[in-house]
Amino acid sequence: MDVSIVLVSYNTKDLTRNCLKSLYEKTSGVNYNVWVIDNASHDGSAQMIKEEFPQVNLIESSDNIGFGRANNVVINKVQSKYVFLLNTDTILLNNAVKILYDLMELPENVNVGACGGQLHNRDMTLQGSVGEFDTLDKLCRKTLGIKIKNELSYSVHGEPDYIIGADLMLRKSALANCGGFDERFFMYGEEAELCLRLRKNGYGLRFTPESKILHYGGASSYSENTQIQVEKMLLSNTLLFFEIAYGKKCANKARLLYIIYYLKYLPLRFFSIKAFQRLKMALEVCV
């Protein structure tokens, strides 16, 4: 098997249906299978997959075990050369899987551990598809109100710090050497940590704008959580990334900078309820 395509489903029945339809309609020229792990959805997602996509390998989890851990379940099962992680709130716009597969198969990319394509917003504008690692320097500038220049381009080939997990193709042999997702990340930030680990172990990353995927974004997280709850999860995982990448002392400094940032944020938002909620959130999150 060339590629195992993995979707983690949580209460996104209609989106999952559309994603699977686009997968089967757009993917050709590559030997692939599709896996869906359903994180105890209560919207009929699993039943829909059984009835409408019997060819899908469906795993039904008894609990919502999160994004990284769910992907690890499938990664540990499959024997394919590559695994392609795809969010359920995506639509393939072209033969994206084959394009990414061909990129990984190039002789010069034998040491590339992961690659990703171009994500698009609903209006077909470009969506951030790669990222730069968080650093204390960037966080200091953010706290001081200094604009951070983004050096990344989302429309050219290149090697980013990390690839957004909404469409992430991984070399299985690289995962065998480096391990899968760190399961301390429930959702958000796990792809950055995995890409950091791949890079530390000598693997490269690649981005190509030729692979095109529509990404709605936030379908699972915002279906069951408030905006503040999602932001708290993001902040908690950002601090966890700081601790893993730079050490606990650095993570504590990052937490302090976030508290200062949200203190400065209060008067700018005229001491609104949401501004106080964000400060409370920063005070509650621990390293």
C-alpha atoms as a PDB file:
ATOM      1  CA  MET A   1       0.000   0.000   0.000  1.00  0.00           C
ATOM      2  CA  ASP A   2       1.363   3.420  -0.989  1.00  0.00           C
ATOM      3  CA  VAL A   3      -0.749   5.706   1.196  1.00  0.00           C
ATOM      4  CA  SER A   4      -3.133   5.230   4.109  1.00  0.00           C
ATOM      5  CA  ILE A   5      -5.418   8.261   4.396  1.00  0.00           C
ATOM      6  CA  VAL A   6      -6.508   8.916   7.983  1.00  0.00           C
ATOM      7  CA  LEU A   7      -9.440  11.044   9.154  1.00  0.00           C
ATOM      8  CA  VAL A   8     -10.332  11.694  12.802  1.00  0.00           C
ATOM      9  CA  SER A   9     -14.066  12.260  13.118  1.00  0.00           C
ATOM     10  CA  TYR A  10     -15.928  13.987  15.939  1.00  0.00           C
ATOM     11  CA  ASN A  11     -19.491  15.178  15.322  1.00  0.00           C
ATOM     12  CA  THR A  12     -18.811  16.319  11.754  1.00  0.00           C
ATOM     13  CA  LYS A  13     -21.111  13.905   9.895  1.00  0.00           C
ATOM     14  CA  ASP A  14     -21.979  16.103   6.919  1.00  0.00           C
ATOM     15  CA  LEU A  15     -18.468  17.475   6.573  1.00  0.00           C
ATOM     16  CA  THR A  16     -17.012  13.970   6.824  1.00  0.00           C
ATOM     17  CA  ARG A  17     -19.361  12.773   4.079  1.00  0.00           C
ATOM     18  CA  ASN A  18     -18.282  15.597   1.764  1.00  0.00           C
ATOM     19  CA  CYS A  19     -14.614  15.026   2.564  1.00  0.00           C
ATOM     20  CA  LEU A  20     -14.844  11.305   1.764  1.00  0.00           C
ATOM     21  CA  LYS A  21     -16.726  12.013  -1.464  1.00  0.00           C
ATOM     22  CA  SER A  22     -13.998  14.384  -2.598  1.00  0.00           C
ATOM     23  CA  LEU A  23     -11.320  11.855  -1.663  1.00  0.00           C
ATOM     24  CA  TYR A  24     -12.792   9.123  -3.842  1.00  0.00           C
ATOM     25  CA  GLU A  25     -13.655  11.522  -6.675  1.00  0.00           C
ATOM     26  CA  LYS A  26     -10.274  13.277  -6.865  1.00  0.00           C
ATOM     27  CA  THR A  27      -7.726  10.603  -5.920  1.00  0.00           C
ATOM     28  CA  SER A  28      -6.229   8.449  -8.668  1.00  0.00           C
ATOM     29  CA  GLY A  29      -2.884   7.063  -9.811  1.00  0.00           C
ATOM     30  CA  VAL A  30      -1.847   5.950  -6.327  1.00  0.00           C
ATOM     31  CA  ASN A  31      -2.551   2.797  -4.326  1.00  0.00           C
ATOM     32  CA  TYR A  32      -4.399   3.962  -1.197  1.00  0.00           C
ATOM     33  CA  ASN A  33      -6.880   3.015   1.486  1.00  0.00           C
ATOM     34  CA  VAL A  34      -8.963   5.193   3.802  1.00  0.00           C
ATOM     35  CA  TRP A  35      -9.269   4.973   7.572  1.00  0.00           C
ATOM     36  CA  VAL A  36     -11.655   6.910   9.799  1.00  0.00           C
ATOM     37  CA  ILE A  37     -11.383   6.804  13.567  1.00  0.00           C
ATOM     38  CA  ASP A  38     -14.545   8.185  15.136  1.00  0.00           C
ATOM     39  CA  ASN A  39     -14.033   9.763  18.560  1.00  0.00           C
ATOM     40  CA  ALA A  40     -17.393   8.756  20.059  1.00  0.00           C
ATOM     41  CA  SER A  41     -19.482  11.116  17.914  1.00  0.00           C
ATOM     42  CA  HIS A  42     -23.150  11.430  18.842  1.00  0.00           C
ATOM     43  CA  ASP A  43     -24.367  12.796  15.503  1.00  0.00           C
ATOM     44  CA  GLY A  44     -24.537   9.499  13.612  1.00  0.00           C
ATOM     45  CA  SER A  45     -21.148   9.883  11.920  1.00  0.00           C
ATOM     46  CA  ALA A  46     -20.111   6.250  12.362  1.00  0.00           C
ATOM     47  CA  GLN A  47     -23.439   4.906  11.066  1.00  0.00           C
ATOM     48  CA  MET A  48     -23.266   7.202   8.038  1.00  0.00           C
ATOM     49  CA  ILE A  49     -19.803   5.887   7.166  1.00  0.00           C
ATOM     50  CA  LYS A  50     -20.946   2.275   7.495  1.00  0.00           C
ATOM     51  CA  GLU A  51     -23.926   2.856   5.218  1.00  0.00           C
ATOM     52  CA  GLU A  52     -22.472   5.194   2.589  1.00  0.00           C
ATOM     53  CA  PHE A  53     -18.762   4.286   2.559  1.00  0.00           C
ATOM     54  CA  PRO A  54     -18.471   0.565   3.361  1.00  0.00           C
ATOM     55  CA  GLN A  55     -14.986   0.521   1.793  1.00  0.00           C
ATOM     56  CA  VAL A  56     -13.666   2.754   4.584  1.00  0.00           C
ATOM     57  CA  ASN A  57     -11.778   1.121   7.451  1.00  0.00           C
ATOM     58  CA  LEU A  58     -13.772   2.444  10.415  1.00  0.00           C
ATOM     59  CA  ILE A  59     -12.561   2.393  14.013  1.00  0.00           C
ATOM     60  CA  GLU A  60     -15.095   3.433  16.664  1.00  0.00           C
ATOM     61  CA  SER A  61     -13.539   4.790  19.834  1.00  0.00           C
ATOM     62  CA  SER A  62     -15.603   4.585  23.010  1.00  0.00           C
ATOM     63  CA  ASP A  63     -14.298   8.018  24.081  1.00  0.00           C
ATOM     64  CA  ASN A  64     -13.082  11.241  22.540  1.00  0.00           C
ATOM     65  CA  ILE A  65      -9.365  10.530  22.776  1.00  0.00           C
ATOM     66  CA  GLY A  66      -8.200  13.641  20.922  1.00  0.00           C
ATOM     67  CA  PHE A  67      -6.515  14.253  17.572  1.00  0.00           C
ATOM     68  CA  GLY A  68      -2.977  13.009  18.087  1.00  0.00           C
ATOM     69  CA  ARG A  69      -3.845   9.889  20.043  1.00  0.00           C
ATOM     70  CA  ALA A  70      -6.555   8.929  17.537  1.00  0.00           C
ATOM     71  CA  ASN A  71      -4.143   9.292  14.630  1.00  0.00           C
ATOM     72  CA  ASN A  72      -1.585   7.201  16.517  1.00  0.00           C
ATOM     73  CA  VAL A  73      -4.091   4.336  16.755  1.00  0.00           C
ATOM     74  CA  VAL A  74      -4.259   4.124  12.954  1.00  0.00           C
ATOM     75  CA  ILE A  75      -0.581   4.918  12.360  1.00  0.00           C
ATOM     76  CA  ASN A  76       0.337   1.940  14.522  1.00  0.00           C
ATOM     77  CA  LYS A  77      -1.990  -0.354  12.566  1.00  0.00           C
ATOM     78  CA  VAL A  78      -1.189   0.414   8.930  1.00  0.00           C
ATOM     79  CA  GLN A  79       1.693  -0.978   6.879  1.00  0.00           C
ATOM     80  CA  SER A  80       1.673   1.629   4.102  1.00  0.00           C
ATOM     81  CA  LYS A  81       4.713   3.604   3.001  1.00  0.00           C
ATOM     82  CA  TYR A  82       3.026   6.902   3.874  1.00  0.00           C
ATOM     83  CA  VAL A  83       0.152   8.067   6.045  1.00  0.00           C
ATOM     84  CA  PHE A  84      -1.815  11.119   4.957  1.00  0.00           C
ATOM     85  CA  LEU A  85      -3.616  12.879   7.793  1.00  0.00           C
ATOM     86  CA  LEU A  86      -6.629  14.823   6.588  1.00  0.00           C
ATOM     87  CA  ASN A  87      -9.149  16.831   8.575  1.00  0.00           C
ATOM     88  CA  THR A  88     -12.811  15.937   8.105  1.00  0.00           C
ATOM     89  CA  ASP A  89     -13.636  19.598   7.362  1.00  0.00           C
ATOM     90  CA  THR A  90     -11.685  19.566   4.103  1.00  0.00           C
ATOM     91  CA  ILE A  91     -12.511  19.103   0.432  1.00  0.00           C
ATOM     92  CA  LEU A  92      -9.893  17.968  -2.086  1.00  0.00           C
ATOM     93  CA  LEU A  93      -9.797  20.386  -5.012  1.00  0.00           C
ATOM     94  CA  ASN A  94      -7.457  18.299  -7.163  1.00  0.00           C
ATOM     95  CA  ASN A  95      -5.534  15.028  -7.051  1.00  0.00           C
ATOM     96  CA  ALA A  96      -3.821  16.274  -3.885  1.00  0.00           C
ATOM     97  CA  VAL A  97      -2.859  12.871  -2.486  1.00  0.00           C
ATOM     98  CA  LYS A  98      -1.042  11.832  -5.675  1.00  0.00           C
ATOM     99  CA  ILE A  99       0.741  15.192  -5.890  1.00  0.00           C
ATOM    100  CA  LEU A 100       2.053  14.844  -2.338  1.00  0.00           C
ATOM    101  CA  TYR A 101       2.936  11.184  -2.882  1.00  0.00           C
ATOM    102  CA  ASP A 102       4.930  12.043  -6.023  1.00  0.00           C
ATOM    103  CA  LEU A 103       6.747  14.795  -4.120  1.00  0.00           C
ATOM    104  CA  MET A 104       7.808  12.356  -1.395  1.00  0.00           C
ATOM    105  CA  GLU A 105       8.918   9.797  -3.991  1.00  0.00           C
ATOM    106  CA  LEU A 106      11.410  12.123  -5.691  1.00  0.00           C
ATOM    107  CA  PRO A 107      14.970  10.764  -5.261  1.00  0.00           C
ATOM    108  CA  GLU A 108      16.141  14.035  -3.740  1.00  0.00           C
ATOM    109  CA  ASN A 109      13.421  13.774  -1.070  1.00  0.00           C
ATOM    110  CA  VAL A 110      14.433  10.395   0.343  1.00  0.00           C
ATOM    111  CA  ASN A 111      15.182  12.079   3.690  1.00  0.00           C
ATOM    112  CA  VAL A 112      11.999  14.148   3.777  1.00  0.00           C
ATOM    113  CA  GLY A 113       9.814  13.047   6.674  1.00  0.00           C
ATOM    114  CA  ALA A 114       6.662  15.038   5.949  1.00  0.00           C
ATOM    115  CA  CYS A 115       5.024  17.264   3.370  1.00  0.00           C
ATOM    116  CA  GLY A 116       1.841  19.258   2.947  1.00  0.00           C
ATOM    117  CA  GLY A 117      -0.107  21.194   0.353  1.00  0.00           C
ATOM    118  CA  GLN A 118      -1.908  24.493   0.000  1.00  0.00           C
ATOM    119  CA  LEU A 119      -5.024  25.015   2.099  1.00  0.00           C
ATOM    120  CA  HIS A 120      -7.735  27.380   0.865  1.00  0.00           C
ATOM    121  CA  ASN A 121     -10.461  29.317   2.666  1.00  0.00           C
ATOM    122  CA  ARG A 122     -14.119  29.088   1.640  1.00  0.00           C
ATOM    123  CA  ASP A 123     -13.667  32.040  -0.730  1.00  0.00           C
ATOM    124  CA  MET A 124     -10.616  30.314  -2.272  1.00  0.00           C
ATOM    125  CA  THR A 125      -8.129  32.776  -0.773  1.00  0.00           C
ATOM    126  CA  LEU A 126      -4.933  31.202   0.526  1.00  0.00           C
ATOM    127  CA  GLN A 127      -4.982  29.842   4.069  1.00  0.00           C
ATOM    128  CA  GLY A 128      -1.891  29.464   6.219  1.00  0.00           C
ATOM    129  CA  SER A 129      -0.685  25.927   5.489  1.00  0.00           C
ATOM    130  CA  VAL A 130       2.689  25.964   7.237  1.00  0.00           C
ATOM    131  CA  GLY A 131       4.024  27.653  10.348  1.00  0.00           C
ATOM    132  CA  GLU A 132       7.065  28.960  12.169  1.00  0.00           C
ATOM    133  CA  PHE A 133       7.938  27.669  15.629  1.00  0.00           C
ATOM    134  CA  ASP A 134       6.980  29.858  18.575  1.00  0.00           C
ATOM    135  CA  THR A 135       9.945  31.443  20.335  1.00  0.00           C
ATOM    136  CA  LEU A 136      10.410  33.699  23.365  1.00  0.00           C
ATOM    137  CA  ASP A 137      11.724  36.441  21.087  1.00  0.00           C
ATOM    138  CA  LYS A 138       8.516  36.442  19.032  1.00  0.00           C
ATOM    139  CA  LEU A 139       6.399  36.351  22.187  1.00  0.00           C
ATOM    140  CA  CYS A 140       8.336  39.294  23.675  1.00  0.00           C
ATOM    141  CA  ARG A 141       7.706  41.340  20.551  1.00  0.00           C
ATOM    142  CA  LYS A 142       4.020  40.422  20.620  1.00  0.00           C
ATOM    143  CA  THR A 143       3.782  41.483  24.275  1.00  0.00           C
ATOM    144  CA  LEU A 144       5.486  44.812  23.484  1.00  0.00           C
ATOM    145  CA  GLY A 145       3.136  45.387  20.560  1.00  0.00           C
ATOM    146  CA  ILE A 146       5.869  45.066  17.931  1.00  0.00           C
ATOM    147  CA  LYS A 147       4.509  43.656  14.685  1.00  0.00           C
ATOM    148  CA  ILE A 148       6.008  40.282  13.809  1.00  0.00           C
ATOM    149  CA  LYS A 149       6.941  39.965  10.166  1.00  0.00           C
ATOM    150  CA  ASN A 150       5.959  36.610   8.692  1.00  0.00           C
ATOM    151  CA  GLU A 151       8.707  35.459   6.373  1.00  0.00           C
ATOM    152  CA  LEU A 152       6.738  32.485   5.112  1.00  0.00           C
ATOM    153  CA  SER A 153       5.172  32.334   1.674  1.00  0.00           C
ATOM    154  CA  TYR A 154       2.150  30.147   1.123  1.00  0.00           C
ATOM    155  CA  SER A 155       2.450  30.048  -2.644  1.00  0.00           C
ATOM    156  CA  VAL A 156       5.958  28.739  -3.311  1.00  0.00           C
ATOM    157  CA  HIS A 157       7.796  25.476  -2.740  1.00  0.00           C
ATOM    158  CA  GLY A 158       9.862  25.472   0.396  1.00  0.00           C
ATOM    159  CA  GLU A 159      10.890  23.926   3.699  1.00  0.00           C
ATOM    160  CA  PRO A 160       8.840  25.290   6.604  1.00  0.00           C
ATOM    161  CA  ASP A 161       9.328  24.818  10.334  1.00  0.00           C
ATOM    162  CA  TYR A 162       6.140  22.757  10.461  1.00  0.00           C
ATOM    163  CA  ILE A 163       3.123  21.800   8.380  1.00  0.00           C
ATOM    164  CA  ILE A 164      -0.462  22.359   9.486  1.00  0.00           C
ATOM    165  CA  GLY A 165      -2.043  19.061  10.540  1.00  0.00           C
ATOM    166  CA  ALA A 166      -5.153  19.522   8.378  1.00  0.00           C
ATOM    167  CA  ASP A 167      -3.272  17.895   5.475  1.00  0.00           C
ATOM    168  CA  LEU A 168      -0.050  16.250   6.527  1.00  0.00           C
ATOM    169  CA  MET A 169       1.649  13.404   4.668  1.00  0.00           C
ATOM    170  CA  LEU A 170       4.148  11.484   6.806  1.00  0.00           C
ATOM    171  CA  ARG A 171       6.772   8.920   5.874  1.00  0.00           C
ATOM    172  CA  LYS A 172       6.019   5.821   7.924  1.00  0.00           C
ATOM    173  CA  SER A 173       9.701   4.869   8.303  1.00  0.00           C
ATOM    174  CA  ALA A 174      10.380   8.331   9.778  1.00  0.00           C
ATOM    175  CA  LEU A 175       7.602   7.792  12.319  1.00  0.00           C
ATOM    176  CA  ALA A 176       9.098   4.401  13.171  1.00  0.00           C
ATOM    177  CA  ASN A 177      12.359   6.183  14.028  1.00  0.00           C
ATOM    178  CA  CYS A 178      10.929   9.278  15.741  1.00  0.00           C
ATOM    179  CA  GLY A 179       7.608   8.118  17.174  1.00  0.00           C
ATOM    180  CA  GLY A 180       4.097   9.361  16.487  1.00  0.00           C
ATOM    181  CA  PHE A 181       2.217  12.240  18.055  1.00  0.00           C
ATOM    182  CA  ASP A 182       2.922  13.235  21.655  1.00  0.00           C
ATOM    183  CA  GLU A 183      -0.372  12.298  23.296  1.00  0.00           C
ATOM    184  CA  ARG A 184      -0.102  15.008  25.937  1.00  0.00           C
ATOM    185  CA  PHE A 185      -1.497  17.294  23.222  1.00  0.00           C
ATOM    186  CA  PHE A 186      -5.244  16.649  23.099  1.00  0.00           C
ATOM    187  CA  MET A 187      -5.795  18.964  20.142  1.00  0.00           C
ATOM    188  CA  TYR A 188      -3.754  21.816  18.610  1.00  0.00           C
ATOM    189  CA  GLY A 189       0.029  22.095  18.518  1.00  0.00           C
ATOM    190  CA  GLU A 190       0.794  18.400  18.129  1.00  0.00           C
ATOM    191  CA  GLU A 191       1.870  18.770  14.502  1.00  0.00           C
ATOM    192  CA  ALA A 192       4.422  21.449  15.396  1.00  0.00           C
ATOM    193  CA  GLU A 193       5.974  19.230  18.067  1.00  0.00           C
ATOM    194  CA  LEU A 194       6.069  16.214  15.722  1.00  0.00           C
ATOM    195  CA  CYS A 195       7.658  18.255  12.937  1.00  0.00           C
ATOM    196  CA  LEU A 196      10.227  19.605  15.414  1.00  0.00           C
ATOM    197  CA  ARG A 197      11.091  16.020  16.397  1.00  0.00           C
ATOM    198  CA  LEU A 198      11.384  14.986  12.737  1.00  0.00           C
ATOM    199  CA  ARG A 199      13.741  17.890  12.052  1.00  0.00           C
ATOM    200  CA  LYS A 200      15.859  17.095  15.140  1.00  0.00           C
ATOM    201  CA  ASN A 201      16.263  13.569  13.783  1.00  0.00           C
ATOM    202  CA  GLY A 202      17.542  14.777  10.421  1.00  0.00           C
ATOM    203  CA  TYR A 203      14.350  14.651   8.352  1.00  0.00           C
ATOM    204  CA  GLY A 204      13.333  17.479   6.060  1.00  0.00           C
ATOM    205  CA  LEU A 205       9.878  18.946   5.451  1.00  0.00           C
ATOM    206  CA  ARG A 206       8.380  20.092   2.172  1.00  0.00           C
ATOM    207  CA  PHE A 207       5.476  22.289   1.142  1.00  0.00           C
ATOM    208  CA  THR A 208       3.953  22.442  -2.336  1.00  0.00           C
ATOM    209  CA  PRO A 209       1.196  24.807  -3.532  1.00  0.00           C
ATOM    210  CA  GLU A 210       0.267  22.363  -6.302  1.00  0.00           C
ATOM    211  CA  SER A 211      -1.709  20.166  -3.889  1.00  0.00           C
ATOM    212  CA  LYS A 212      -4.922  22.135  -3.241  1.00  0.00           C
ATOM    213  CA  ILE A 213      -7.413  21.510  -0.429  1.00  0.00           C
ATOM    214  CA  LEU A 214     -10.353  23.554   0.863  1.00  0.00           C
ATOM    215  CA  HIS A 215     -10.319  23.784   4.673  1.00  0.00           C
ATOM    216  CA  TYR A 216     -13.291  25.116   6.644  1.00  0.00           C
ATOM    217  CA  GLY A 217     -11.449  25.040   9.981  1.00  0.00           C
ATOM    218  CA  GLY A 218     -12.465  24.503  13.618  1.00  0.00           C
ATOM    219  CA  ALA A 219     -15.430  22.229  12.922  1.00  0.00           C
ATOM    220  CA  SER A 220     -14.862  19.790  15.788  1.00  0.00           C
ATOM    221  CA  SER A 221     -13.382  22.157  18.369  1.00  0.00           C
ATOM    222  CA  TYR A 222     -16.054  24.856  18.115  1.00  0.00           C
ATOM    223  CA  SER A 223     -18.949  22.376  17.986  1.00  0.00           C
ATOM    224  CA  GLU A 224     -18.576  21.551  21.696  1.00  0.00           C
ATOM    225  CA  ASN A 225     -16.447  24.383  23.143  1.00  0.00           C
ATOM    226  CA  THR A 226     -16.726  28.132  23.631  1.00  0.00           C
ATOM    227  CA  GLN A 227     -14.173  30.433  22.039  1.00  0.00           C
ATOM    228  CA  ILE A 228     -12.476  30.942  25.416  1.00  0.00           C
ATOM    229  CA  GLN A 229     -12.248  27.178  25.983  1.00  0.00           C
ATOM    230  CA  VAL A 230     -10.608  26.743  22.579  1.00  0.00           C
ATOM    231  CA  GLU A 231      -8.198  29.604  23.278  1.00  0.00           C
ATOM    232  CA  LYS A 232      -7.317  28.062  26.648  1.00  0.00           C
ATOM    233  CA  MET A 233      -6.557  24.758  24.946  1.00  0.00           C
ATOM    234  CA  LEU A 234      -4.367  26.579  22.411  1.00  0.00           C
ATOM    235  CA  LEU A 235      -2.492  28.447  25.159  1.00  0.00           C
ATOM    236  CA  SER A 236      -1.988  25.310  27.258  1.00  0.00           C
ATOM    237  CA  ASN A 237      -0.555  23.454  24.272  1.00  0.00           C
ATOM    238  CA  THR A 238       1.627  26.405  23.280  1.00  0.00           C
ATOM    239  CA  LEU A 239       3.217  26.334  26.741  1.00  0.00           C
ATOM    240  CA  LEU A 240       3.631  22.564  26.473  1.00  0.00           C
ATOM    241  CA  PHE A 241       5.446  23.091  23.155  1.00  0.00           C
ATOM    242  CA  PHE A 242       7.734  25.668  24.822  1.00  0.00           C
ATOM    243  CA  GLU A 243       8.537  23.180  27.589  1.00  0.00           C
ATOM    244  CA  ILE A 244       9.317  20.339  25.157  1.00  0.00           C
ATOM    245  CA  ALA A 245      11.293  22.498  22.729  1.00  0.00           C
ATOM    246  CA  TYR A 246      13.148  24.841  25.077  1.00  0.00           C
ATOM    247  CA  GLY A 247      12.726  23.580  28.655  1.00  0.00           C
ATOM    248  CA  LYS A 248      10.475  24.305  31.643  1.00  0.00           C
ATOM    249  CA  LYS A 249      12.236  27.560  32.588  1.00  0.00           C
ATOM    250  CA  CYS A 250      11.533  28.951  29.138  1.00  0.00           C
ATOM    251  CA  ALA A 251       7.911  27.759  29.311  1.00  0.00           C
ATOM    252  CA  ASN A 252       7.413  29.624  32.612  1.00  0.00           C
ATOM    253  CA  LYS A 253       8.821  32.791  31.034  1.00  0.00           C
ATOM    254  CA  ALA A 254       6.389  32.340  28.137  1.00  0.00           C
ATOM    255  CA  ARG A 255       3.482  31.993  30.584  1.00  0.00           C
ATOM    256  CA  LEU A 256       4.507  35.227  32.315  1.00  0.00           C
ATOM    257  CA  LEU A 257       4.663  37.034  28.969  1.00  0.00           C
ATOM    258  CA  TYR A 258       1.161  35.832  28.110  1.00  0.00           C
ATOM    259  CA  ILE A 259      -0.131  37.149  31.453  1.00  0.00           C
ATOM    260  CA  ILE A 260       1.499  40.539  30.774  1.00  0.00           C
ATOM    261  CA  TYR A 261       0.040  40.549  27.263  1.00  0.00           C
ATOM    262  CA  TYR A 262      -3.502  39.964  28.524  1.00  0.00           C
ATOM    263  CA  LEU A 263      -3.050  42.576  31.287  1.00  0.00           C
ATOM    264  CA  LYS A 264      -2.170  45.117  28.582  1.00  0.00           C
ATOM    265  CA  TYR A 265      -5.120  43.818  26.575  1.00  0.00           C
ATOM    266  CA  LEU A 266      -7.642  44.860  29.289  1.00  0.00           C
ATOM    267  CA  PRO A 267      -7.740  48.662  28.688  1.00  0.00           C
ATOM    268  CA  LEU A 268      -7.482  48.182  24.930  1.00  0.00           C
ATOM    269  CA  ARG A 269     -10.761  46.270  25.108  1.00  0.00           C
ATOM    270  CA  PHE A 270     -12.285  48.726  27.599  1.00  0.00           C
ATOM    271  CA  PHE A 271     -12.193  46.130  30.383  1.00  0.00           C
ATOM    272  CA  SER A 272     -14.745  43.959  28.623  1.00  0.00           C
ATOM    273  CA  ILE A 273     -15.931  40.627  30.040  1.00  0.00           C
ATOM    274  CA  LYS A 274     -14.065  38.741  27.321  1.00  0.00           C
ATOM    275  CA  ALA A 275     -10.831  40.603  28.114  1.00  0.00           C
ATOM    276  CA  PHE A 276     -11.118  39.568  31.769  1.00  0.00           C
ATOM    277  CA  GLN A 277     -11.889  35.990  30.697  1.00  0.00           C
ATOM    278  CA  ARG A 278      -8.692  35.898  28.646  1.00  0.00           C
ATOM    279  CA  LEU A 279      -6.609  37.186  31.563  1.00  0.00           C
ATOM    280  CA  LYS A 280      -8.213  34.620  33.886  1.00  0.00           C
ATOM    281  CA  MET A 281      -7.430  31.946  31.291  1.00  0.00           C
ATOM    282  CA  ALA A 282      -3.734  32.919  31.211  1.00  0.00           C
ATOM    283  CA  LEU A 283      -3.548  32.899  35.022  1.00  0.00           C
ATOM    284  CA  GLU A 284      -5.151  29.449  35.238  1.00  0.00           C
ATOM    285  CA  VAL A 285      -2.936  27.696  32.689  1.00  0.00           C
ATOM    286  CA  CYS A 286       0.061  26.066  34.346  1.00  0.00           C
ATOM    287  CA  VAL A 287       3.326  24.687  33.003  1.00  0.00           C
END
